Amino acid sequence: MQETPTQTTTKSAPNVDAPNYLAAFLLTLFLGFIGTNRLYTGHRLLGWLRAVMFVAVFVAPVFFLVDTTTGIIALSLGAVANAAATLWWYIDLWLYFTGNVHDRKTGQPLHRDSPRDYSVARSMMLSLHLAVVALVVLVSVGIGLLVNNLQNGSLLKMLQPGGDTTQIQQLLKTYGG
């Protein structure tokens, strides 16, 4: 009888040198707007670019010392940089939600200590997404109410000296003010 060699399948060992998935996700969630997550995963240029975009928002008001026009231009550019960095941060969170994040050096997916790391990141991202949607809805409703009150003039009447403040007093009584 001839003996056939047995085939052995070897699993590739997890890349423990790669950045940790859960640590990278938490850095993205709490400090991603500064670019720390990109620095952690080896994307140095992108991390520093996002850090510069974040700092631009705080440096922009200094240009008002030069003159008003320069200050307004600087604030506008700072606002655009802030909006871009925020959108970029949200896209990074979405990449973690979909599990599409890789180490820069090896190109391998980030190291997960347990299969639960991915589910924790997904549930946190889903909760964050729902909170952002709720916040957008609340702000939209608030703006709509404010515009409505401004259009019919009731808010302006209440804020004028000697104006009717009974509605404000009722609100304060109702909500414990």
C-alpha atoms as a PDB file:
ATOM      1  CA  MET A   1       0.000   0.000   0.000  1.00  0.00           C
ATOM      2  CA  GLN A   2       1.230   3.352  -0.919  1.00  0.00           C
ATOM      3  CA  GLU A   3       0.789   6.081   1.611  1.00  0.00           C
ATOM      4  CA  THR A   4      -0.477   9.438   0.359  1.00  0.00           C
ATOM      5  CA  PRO A   5       0.827  12.536   1.962  1.00  0.00           C
ATOM      6  CA  THR A   6      -1.729  14.410   3.969  1.00  0.00           C
ATOM      7  CA  GLN A   7      -2.446  17.942   3.030  1.00  0.00           C
ATOM      8  CA  THR A   8      -2.211  20.437   5.763  1.00  0.00           C
ATOM      9  CA  THR A   9      -3.719  23.810   5.515  1.00  0.00           C
ATOM     10  CA  THR A  10      -1.964  26.513   7.372  1.00  0.00           C
ATOM     11  CA  LYS A  11      -3.716  29.594   8.454  1.00  0.00           C
ATOM     12  CA  SER A  12      -1.720  32.719   8.193  1.00  0.00           C
ATOM     13  CA  ALA A  13      -0.900  34.068  11.580  1.00  0.00           C
ATOM     14  CA  PRO A  14      -2.569  37.350  12.479  1.00  0.00           C
ATOM     15  CA  ASN A  15      -0.408  40.368  11.904  1.00  0.00           C
ATOM     16  CA  VAL A  16       0.232  41.371  15.507  1.00  0.00           C
ATOM     17  CA  ASP A  17       2.627  44.096  14.396  1.00  0.00           C
ATOM     18  CA  ALA A  18      -0.203  45.898  12.603  1.00  0.00           C
ATOM     19  CA  PRO A  19      -2.042  48.593  14.501  1.00  0.00           C
ATOM     20  CA  ASN A  20      -4.917  47.359  16.639  1.00  0.00           C
ATOM     21  CA  TYR A  21      -8.364  47.758  15.048  1.00  0.00           C
ATOM     22  CA  LEU A  22     -10.232  48.795  18.197  1.00  0.00           C
ATOM     23  CA  ALA A  23      -7.513  51.249  19.268  1.00  0.00           C
ATOM     24  CA  ALA A  24      -7.496  52.805  15.795  1.00  0.00           C
ATOM     25  CA  PHE A  25     -11.291  53.041  15.811  1.00  0.00           C
ATOM     26  CA  LEU A  26     -11.351  54.745  19.219  1.00  0.00           C
ATOM     27  CA  LEU A  27      -8.655  57.181  18.082  1.00  0.00           C
ATOM     28  CA  THR A  28     -10.793  57.922  15.026  1.00  0.00           C
ATOM     29  CA  LEU A  29     -13.922  58.410  17.090  1.00  0.00           C
ATOM     30  CA  PHE A  30     -12.453  60.719  19.735  1.00  0.00           C
ATOM     31  CA  LEU A  31      -9.409  62.367  18.076  1.00  0.00           C
ATOM     32  CA  GLY A  32      -9.874  61.612  14.390  1.00  0.00           C
ATOM     33  CA  PHE A  33     -10.670  65.222  13.527  1.00  0.00           C
ATOM     34  CA  ILE A  34      -7.037  66.025  14.394  1.00  0.00           C
ATOM     35  CA  GLY A  35      -5.663  63.142  12.307  1.00  0.00           C
ATOM     36  CA  THR A  36      -4.342  60.895  15.078  1.00  0.00           C
ATOM     37  CA  ASN A  37      -5.938  57.802  13.579  1.00  0.00           C
ATOM     38  CA  ARG A  38      -4.128  58.321  10.280  1.00  0.00           C
ATOM     39  CA  LEU A  39      -0.813  58.811  12.085  1.00  0.00           C
ATOM     40  CA  TYR A  40      -1.450  55.627  14.109  1.00  0.00           C
ATOM     41  CA  THR A  41      -2.142  53.505  11.027  1.00  0.00           C
ATOM     42  CA  GLY A  42       0.962  54.806   9.226  1.00  0.00           C
ATOM     43  CA  HIS A  43      -0.685  57.335   6.898  1.00  0.00           C
ATOM     44  CA  ARG A  44       1.583  60.154   8.060  1.00  0.00           C
ATOM     45  CA  LEU A  45       0.973  62.639   5.250  1.00  0.00           C
ATOM     46  CA  LEU A  46      -2.807  62.374   5.582  1.00  0.00           C
ATOM     47  CA  GLY A  47      -2.585  62.648   9.373  1.00  0.00           C
ATOM     48  CA  TRP A  48      -0.489  65.808   9.261  1.00  0.00           C
ATOM     49  CA  LEU A  49      -2.705  67.287   6.553  1.00  0.00           C
ATOM     50  CA  ARG A  50      -5.765  66.836   8.746  1.00  0.00           C
ATOM     51  CA  ALA A  51      -3.921  68.310  11.738  1.00  0.00           C
ATOM     52  CA  VAL A  52      -3.058  71.398   9.671  1.00  0.00           C
ATOM     53  CA  MET A  53      -6.696  71.699   8.587  1.00  0.00           C
ATOM     54  CA  PHE A  54      -7.776  71.550  12.237  1.00  0.00           C
ATOM     55  CA  VAL A  55      -5.258  74.196  13.316  1.00  0.00           C
ATOM     56  CA  ALA A  56      -6.289  76.488  10.434  1.00  0.00           C
ATOM     57  CA  VAL A  57      -9.630  77.072  12.143  1.00  0.00           C
ATOM     58  CA  PHE A  58      -7.912  78.493  15.220  1.00  0.00           C
ATOM     59  CA  VAL A  59      -5.265  80.483  13.364  1.00  0.00           C
ATOM     60  CA  ALA A  60      -7.785  82.212  11.051  1.00  0.00           C
ATOM     61  CA  PRO A  61      -9.011  84.818  13.602  1.00  0.00           C
ATOM     62  CA  VAL A  62      -5.440  86.137  13.964  1.00  0.00           C
ATOM     63  CA  PHE A  63      -5.710  87.542  10.439  1.00  0.00           C
ATOM     64  CA  PHE A  64      -8.282  90.066  11.675  1.00  0.00           C
ATOM     65  CA  LEU A  65      -5.291  91.868  13.186  1.00  0.00           C
ATOM     66  CA  VAL A  66      -4.044  92.538   9.649  1.00  0.00           C
ATOM     67  CA  ASP A  67      -7.326  93.937   8.333  1.00  0.00           C
ATOM     68  CA  THR A  68     -10.983  92.997   8.140  1.00  0.00           C
ATOM     69  CA  THR A  69     -10.972  91.741   4.557  1.00  0.00           C
ATOM     70  CA  THR A  70      -8.026  89.432   5.174  1.00  0.00           C
ATOM     71  CA  GLY A  71      -9.701  88.210   8.364  1.00  0.00           C
ATOM     72  CA  ILE A  72     -12.936  87.408   6.575  1.00  0.00           C
ATOM     73  CA  ILE A  73     -11.080  85.519   3.844  1.00  0.00           C
ATOM     74  CA  ALA A  74      -9.077  83.605   6.449  1.00  0.00           C
ATOM     75  CA  LEU A  75     -12.218  82.737   8.428  1.00  0.00           C
ATOM     76  CA  SER A  76     -13.926  81.549   5.260  1.00  0.00           C
ATOM     77  CA  LEU A  77     -10.979  79.323   4.355  1.00  0.00           C
ATOM     78  CA  GLY A  78     -10.832  78.075   7.948  1.00  0.00           C
ATOM     79  CA  ALA A  79     -14.534  77.205   7.841  1.00  0.00           C
ATOM     80  CA  VAL A  80     -14.071  75.328   4.567  1.00  0.00           C
ATOM     81  CA  ALA A  81     -11.074  73.456   6.029  1.00  0.00           C
ATOM     82  CA  ASN A  82     -13.122  72.599   9.118  1.00  0.00           C
ATOM     83  CA  ALA A  83     -16.035  71.323   7.023  1.00  0.00           C
ATOM     84  CA  ALA A  84     -13.670  69.225   4.886  1.00  0.00           C
ATOM     85  CA  ALA A  85     -11.929  67.786   7.969  1.00  0.00           C
ATOM     86  CA  THR A  86     -15.279  66.933   9.564  1.00  0.00           C
ATOM     87  CA  LEU A  87     -16.479  65.195   6.407  1.00  0.00           C
ATOM     88  CA  TRP A  88     -13.160  63.348   6.190  1.00  0.00           C
ATOM     89  CA  TRP A  89     -13.539  62.259   9.835  1.00  0.00           C
ATOM     90  CA  TYR A  90     -17.028  60.954   9.119  1.00  0.00           C
ATOM     91  CA  ILE A  91     -15.749  59.043   6.059  1.00  0.00           C
ATOM     92  CA  ASP A  92     -13.001  57.484   8.212  1.00  0.00           C
ATOM     93  CA  LEU A  93     -15.646  56.352  10.701  1.00  0.00           C
ATOM     94  CA  TRP A  94     -17.608  54.843   7.831  1.00  0.00           C
ATOM     95  CA  LEU A  95     -14.495  52.937   6.711  1.00  0.00           C
ATOM     96  CA  TYR A  96     -14.279  51.406  10.192  1.00  0.00           C
ATOM     97  CA  PHE A  97     -17.994  50.612  10.052  1.00  0.00           C
ATOM     98  CA  THR A  98     -17.497  48.682   6.826  1.00  0.00           C
ATOM     99  CA  GLY A  99     -14.228  47.104   8.040  1.00  0.00           C
ATOM    100  CA  ASN A 100     -12.224  48.529   5.152  1.00  0.00           C
ATOM    101  CA  VAL A 101      -9.187  49.836   7.072  1.00  0.00           C
ATOM    102  CA  HIS A 102      -5.645  48.636   6.347  1.00  0.00           C
ATOM    103  CA  ASP A 103      -2.172  49.124   7.724  1.00  0.00           C
ATOM    104  CA  ARG A 104      -0.067  51.413   5.531  1.00  0.00           C
ATOM    105  CA  LYS A 105       3.124  49.349   5.832  1.00  0.00           C
ATOM    106  CA  THR A 106       1.760  45.892   5.118  1.00  0.00           C
ATOM    107  CA  GLY A 107      -1.526  46.586   3.353  1.00  0.00           C
ATOM    108  CA  GLN A 108      -3.112  44.006   5.662  1.00  0.00           C
ATOM    109  CA  PRO A 109      -6.319  44.652   7.613  1.00  0.00           C
ATOM    110  CA  LEU A 110      -5.734  46.020  11.088  1.00  0.00           C
ATOM    111  CA  HIS A 111      -5.111  43.475  13.855  1.00  0.00           C
ATOM    112  CA  ARG A 112      -8.204  42.532  15.838  1.00  0.00           C
ATOM    113  CA  ASP A 113      -7.713  41.051  19.275  1.00  0.00           C
ATOM    114  CA  SER A 114     -11.095  39.382  19.038  1.00  0.00           C
ATOM    115  CA  PRO A 115     -13.907  39.074  16.517  1.00  0.00           C
ATOM    116  CA  ARG A 116     -15.924  41.254  18.869  1.00  0.00           C
ATOM    117  CA  ASP A 117     -13.767  44.327  18.053  1.00  0.00           C
ATOM    118  CA  TYR A 118     -15.507  44.744  14.710  1.00  0.00           C
ATOM    119  CA  SER A 119     -18.998  44.410  16.190  1.00  0.00           C
ATOM    120  CA  VAL A 120     -18.177  46.948  18.917  1.00  0.00           C
ATOM    121  CA  ALA A 121     -16.979  49.424  16.292  1.00  0.00           C
ATOM    122  CA  ARG A 122     -20.078  48.830  14.161  1.00  0.00           C
ATOM    123  CA  SER A 123     -22.489  49.340  17.048  1.00  0.00           C
ATOM    124  CA  MET A 124     -20.678  52.503  18.193  1.00  0.00           C
ATOM    125  CA  MET A 125     -20.688  53.864  14.642  1.00  0.00           C
ATOM    126  CA  LEU A 126     -24.389  53.093  14.213  1.00  0.00           C
ATOM    127  CA  SER A 127     -25.155  54.855  17.508  1.00  0.00           C
ATOM    128  CA  LEU A 128     -23.094  57.863  16.430  1.00  0.00           C
ATOM    129  CA  HIS A 129     -24.840  57.960  13.061  1.00  0.00           C
ATOM    130  CA  LEU A 130     -28.273  57.906  14.707  1.00  0.00           C
ATOM    131  CA  ALA A 131     -27.212  60.653  17.121  1.00  0.00           C
ATOM    132  CA  VAL A 132     -25.991  62.839  14.225  1.00  0.00           C
ATOM    133  CA  VAL A 133     -29.272  62.308  12.354  1.00  0.00           C
ATOM    134  CA  ALA A 134     -31.274  63.185  15.486  1.00  0.00           C
ATOM    135  CA  LEU A 135     -29.164  66.297  16.034  1.00  0.00           C
ATOM    136  CA  VAL A 136     -29.653  67.421  12.438  1.00  0.00           C
ATOM    137  CA  VAL A 137     -33.423  66.930  12.766  1.00  0.00           C
ATOM    138  CA  LEU A 138     -33.548  68.866  16.055  1.00  0.00           C
ATOM    139  CA  VAL A 139     -31.468  71.727  14.689  1.00  0.00           C
ATOM    140  CA  SER A 140     -33.604  71.850  11.537  1.00  0.00           C
ATOM    141  CA  VAL A 141     -36.809  71.999  13.580  1.00  0.00           C
ATOM    142  CA  GLY A 142     -35.309  74.693  15.819  1.00  0.00           C
ATOM    143  CA  ILE A 143     -34.266  76.788  12.843  1.00  0.00           C
ATOM    144  CA  GLY A 144     -37.695  76.333  11.290  1.00  0.00           C
ATOM    145  CA  LEU A 145     -39.413  77.528  14.478  1.00  0.00           C
ATOM    146  CA  LEU A 146     -37.074  80.488  14.758  1.00  0.00           C
ATOM    147  CA  VAL A 147     -37.666  81.525  11.150  1.00  0.00           C
ATOM    148  CA  ASN A 148     -41.426  81.125  11.611  1.00  0.00           C
ATOM    149  CA  ASN A 149     -41.391  83.355  14.708  1.00  0.00           C
ATOM    150  CA  LEU A 150     -39.247  85.930  12.948  1.00  0.00           C
ATOM    151  CA  GLN A 151     -41.562  86.005   9.944  1.00  0.00           C
ATOM    152  CA  ASN A 152     -44.739  86.602  11.927  1.00  0.00           C
ATOM    153  CA  GLY A 153     -42.993  89.085  14.240  1.00  0.00           C
ATOM    154  CA  SER A 154     -43.999  87.465  17.544  1.00  0.00           C
ATOM    155  CA  LEU A 155     -40.402  86.935  18.620  1.00  0.00           C
ATOM    156  CA  LEU A 156     -39.436  90.524  17.865  1.00  0.00           C
ATOM    157  CA  LYS A 157     -42.465  91.819  19.825  1.00  0.00           C
ATOM    158  CA  MET A 158     -41.411  89.781  22.867  1.00  0.00           C
ATOM    159  CA  LEU A 159     -37.814  91.007  22.720  1.00  0.00           C
ATOM    160  CA  GLN A 160     -38.643  94.728  22.421  1.00  0.00           C
ATOM    161  CA  PRO A 161     -38.578  96.842  25.605  1.00  0.00           C
ATOM    162  CA  GLY A 162     -42.055  96.783  27.099  1.00  0.00           C
ATOM    163  CA  GLY A 163     -43.006  93.847  24.879  1.00  0.00           C
ATOM    164  CA  ASP A 164     -45.359  91.055  25.888  1.00  0.00           C
ATOM    165  CA  THR A 165     -43.283  88.584  27.898  1.00  0.00           C
ATOM    166  CA  THR A 166     -46.125  86.342  29.067  1.00  0.00           C
ATOM    167  CA  GLN A 167     -45.128  83.584  26.633  1.00  0.00           C
ATOM    168  CA  ILE A 168     -41.537  83.617  27.932  1.00  0.00           C
ATOM    169  CA  GLN A 169     -42.760  83.544  31.536  1.00  0.00           C
ATOM    170  CA  GLN A 170     -45.037  80.592  30.728  1.00  0.00           C
ATOM    171  CA  LEU A 171     -42.114  78.717  29.196  1.00  0.00           C
ATOM    172  CA  LEU A 172     -39.969  79.431  32.234  1.00  0.00           C
ATOM    173  CA  LYS A 173     -42.706  78.150  34.582  1.00  0.00           C
ATOM    174  CA  THR A 174     -43.280  75.070  32.448  1.00  0.00           C
ATOM    175  CA  TYR A 175     -39.608  74.092  32.196  1.00  0.00           C
ATOM    176  CA  GLY A 176     -38.573  75.097  35.722  1.00  0.00           C
ATOM    177  CA  GLY A 177     -36.655  78.293  34.955  1.00  0.00           C
END
